[in-house]
C-alpha atoms as a PDB file:
ATOM      1  CA  UNK A   1      11.137 -13.152  12.073  1.00  0.00           C
ATOM      2  CA  UNK A   2      12.030 -12.810   8.389  1.00  0.00           C
ATOM      3  CA  UNK A   3       9.245 -15.217   7.387  1.00  0.00           C
ATOM      4  CA  UNK A   4       6.738 -13.107   9.293  1.00  0.00           C
ATOM      5  CA  UNK A   5       7.924  -9.957   7.522  1.00  0.00           C
ATOM      6  CA  UNK A   6       7.661 -11.625   4.100  1.00  0.00           C
ATOM      7  CA  UNK A   7       4.188 -12.941   4.973  1.00  0.00           C
ATOM      8  CA  UNK A   8       2.867  -9.461   5.761  1.00  0.00           C
ATOM      9  CA  UNK A   9       4.610  -7.802   2.816  1.00  0.00           C
ATOM     10  CA  UNK A  10       3.074 -10.292   0.371  1.00  0.00           C
ATOM     11  CA  UNK A  11      -0.419  -9.893   1.783  1.00  0.00           C
ATOM     12  CA  UNK A  12      -0.387  -6.177   2.549  1.00  0.00           C
ATOM     13  CA  UNK A  13      -1.797  -3.633   0.165  1.00  0.00           C
ATOM     14  CA  UNK A  14       1.584  -2.146  -0.707  1.00  0.00           C
ATOM     15  CA  UNK A  15       0.666   1.433   0.104  1.00  0.00           C
ATOM     16  CA  UNK A  16       3.902   2.148   1.973  1.00  0.00           C
ATOM     17  CA  UNK A  17       5.976   0.542  -0.769  1.00  0.00           C
ATOM     18  CA  UNK A  18       4.261   2.568  -3.471  1.00  0.00           C
ATOM     19  CA  UNK A  19       4.647   5.815  -1.500  1.00  0.00           C
ATOM     20  CA  UNK A  20       8.313   5.023  -0.882  1.00  0.00           C
ATOM     21  CA  UNK A  21       8.920   4.460  -4.584  1.00  0.00           C
ATOM     22  CA  UNK A  22       7.101   7.634  -5.619  1.00  0.00           C
ATOM     23  CA  UNK A  23       8.668   9.858  -2.961  1.00  0.00           C
ATOM     24  CA  UNK A  24      12.088   8.132  -3.018  1.00  0.00           C
ATOM     25  CA  UNK A  25      11.873   7.718   0.737  1.00  0.00           C
ATOM     26  CA  UNK A  26      12.765   4.638   2.832  1.00  0.00           C
ATOM     27  CA  UNK A  27       9.778   2.307   3.101  1.00  0.00           C
ATOM     28  CA  UNK A  28      10.522   1.423   6.711  1.00  0.00           C
ATOM     29  CA  UNK A  29      10.306   5.089   7.694  1.00  0.00           C
ATOM     30  CA  UNK A  30       6.905   5.421   6.050  1.00  0.00           C
ATOM     31  CA  UNK A  31       5.645   2.305   7.829  1.00  0.00           C
ATOM     32  CA  UNK A  32       6.878   3.610  11.167  1.00  0.00           C
ATOM     33  CA  UNK A  33       5.198   6.951  10.495  1.00  0.00           C
ATOM     34  CA  UNK A  34       1.852   5.226   9.908  1.00  0.00           C
ATOM     35  CA  UNK A  35       2.261   3.130  13.055  1.00  0.00           C
ATOM     36  CA  UNK A  36       3.254   6.021  15.321  1.00  0.00           C
ATOM     37  CA  UNK A  37       0.683   8.375  13.839  1.00  0.00           C
ATOM     38  CA  UNK A  38      -2.019   5.742  14.374  1.00  0.00           C
ATOM     39  CA  UNK A  39      -1.172   5.495  18.055  1.00  0.00           C
ATOM     40  CA  UNK A  40      -0.950   9.251  18.557  1.00  0.00           C
ATOM     41  CA  UNK A  41      -4.133  10.149  16.664  1.00  0.00           C
ATOM     42  CA  UNK A  42      -6.163   7.106  17.737  1.00  0.00           C
ATOM     43  CA  UNK A  43      -6.288   5.432  14.336  1.00  0.00           C
ATOM     44  CA  UNK A  44      -7.088   8.165  11.820  1.00  0.00           C
ATOM     45  CA  UNK A  45      -4.076   7.276   9.584  1.00  0.00           C
ATOM     46  CA  UNK A  46      -5.569   3.805   9.271  1.00  0.00           C
ATOM     47  CA  UNK A  47      -8.489   5.391   7.422  1.00  0.00           C
ATOM     48  CA  UNK A  48      -6.050   7.176   5.115  1.00  0.00           C
ATOM     49  CA  UNK A  49      -4.097   3.942   4.566  1.00  0.00           C
ATOM     50  CA  UNK A  50      -7.211   1.947   3.689  1.00  0.00           C
ATOM     51  CA  UNK A  51      -8.513   4.651   1.353  1.00  0.00           C
ATOM     52  CA  UNK A  52      -5.139   4.776  -0.445  1.00  0.00           C
ATOM     53  CA  UNK A  53      -5.182   0.991  -0.722  1.00  0.00           C
ATOM     54  CA  UNK A  54      -8.660   1.045  -2.247  1.00  0.00           C
ATOM     55  CA  UNK A  55      -7.621   3.750  -4.712  1.00  0.00           C
ATOM     56  CA  UNK A  56      -4.660   1.614  -5.766  1.00  0.00           C
ATOM     57  CA  UNK A  57      -6.914  -1.418  -6.285  1.00  0.00           C
ATOM     58  CA  UNK A  58      -9.416   0.588  -8.338  1.00  0.00           C
ATOM     59  CA  UNK A  59      -6.664   2.044 -10.519  1.00  0.00           C
ATOM     60  CA  UNK A  60      -5.222  -1.428 -11.053  1.00  0.00           C
ATOM     61  CA  UNK A  61      -8.669  -2.748 -12.016  1.00  0.00           C
ATOM     62  CA  UNK A  62      -9.242   0.031 -14.551  1.00  0.00           C
ATOM     63  CA  UNK A  63      -5.795  -0.441 -16.051  1.00  0.00           C
ATOM     64  CA  UNK A  64      -6.561  -4.128 -16.588  1.00  0.00           C
ATOM     65  CA  UNK A  65      -9.980  -3.417 -18.090  1.00  0.00           C
ATOM     66  CA  UNK A  66      -8.548  -0.852 -20.536  1.00  0.00           C
ATOM     67  CA  UNK A  67      -6.085  -3.398 -21.945  1.00  0.00           C
ATOM     68  CA  UNK A  68      -8.211  -6.255 -23.289  1.00  0.00           C
ATOM     69  CA  UNK A  69      -6.478  -9.442 -24.290  1.00  0.00           C
ATOM     70  CA  UNK A  70      -6.546 -10.010 -28.019  1.00  0.00           C
ATOM     71  CA  UNK A  71      -7.449 -13.478 -29.182  1.00  0.00           C
ATOM     72  CA  UNK A  72      -6.052 -14.962 -32.386  1.00  0.00           C
END
């Protein structure tokens, strides 16, 4: 069970982890919120999750492109 959890945490986008760090809220509670809200609202939080993940990837890309590596 622990290996499965590590597998998904390594390959997930990290949206829940990032929100938990920013809001100082338990990550497991945020994950459960997304799961329950997805079932109740027929998947609309999945759209929010994916859009947040894409925003995080774009921000990461721009941060890398703004810091060029200097060659000696």
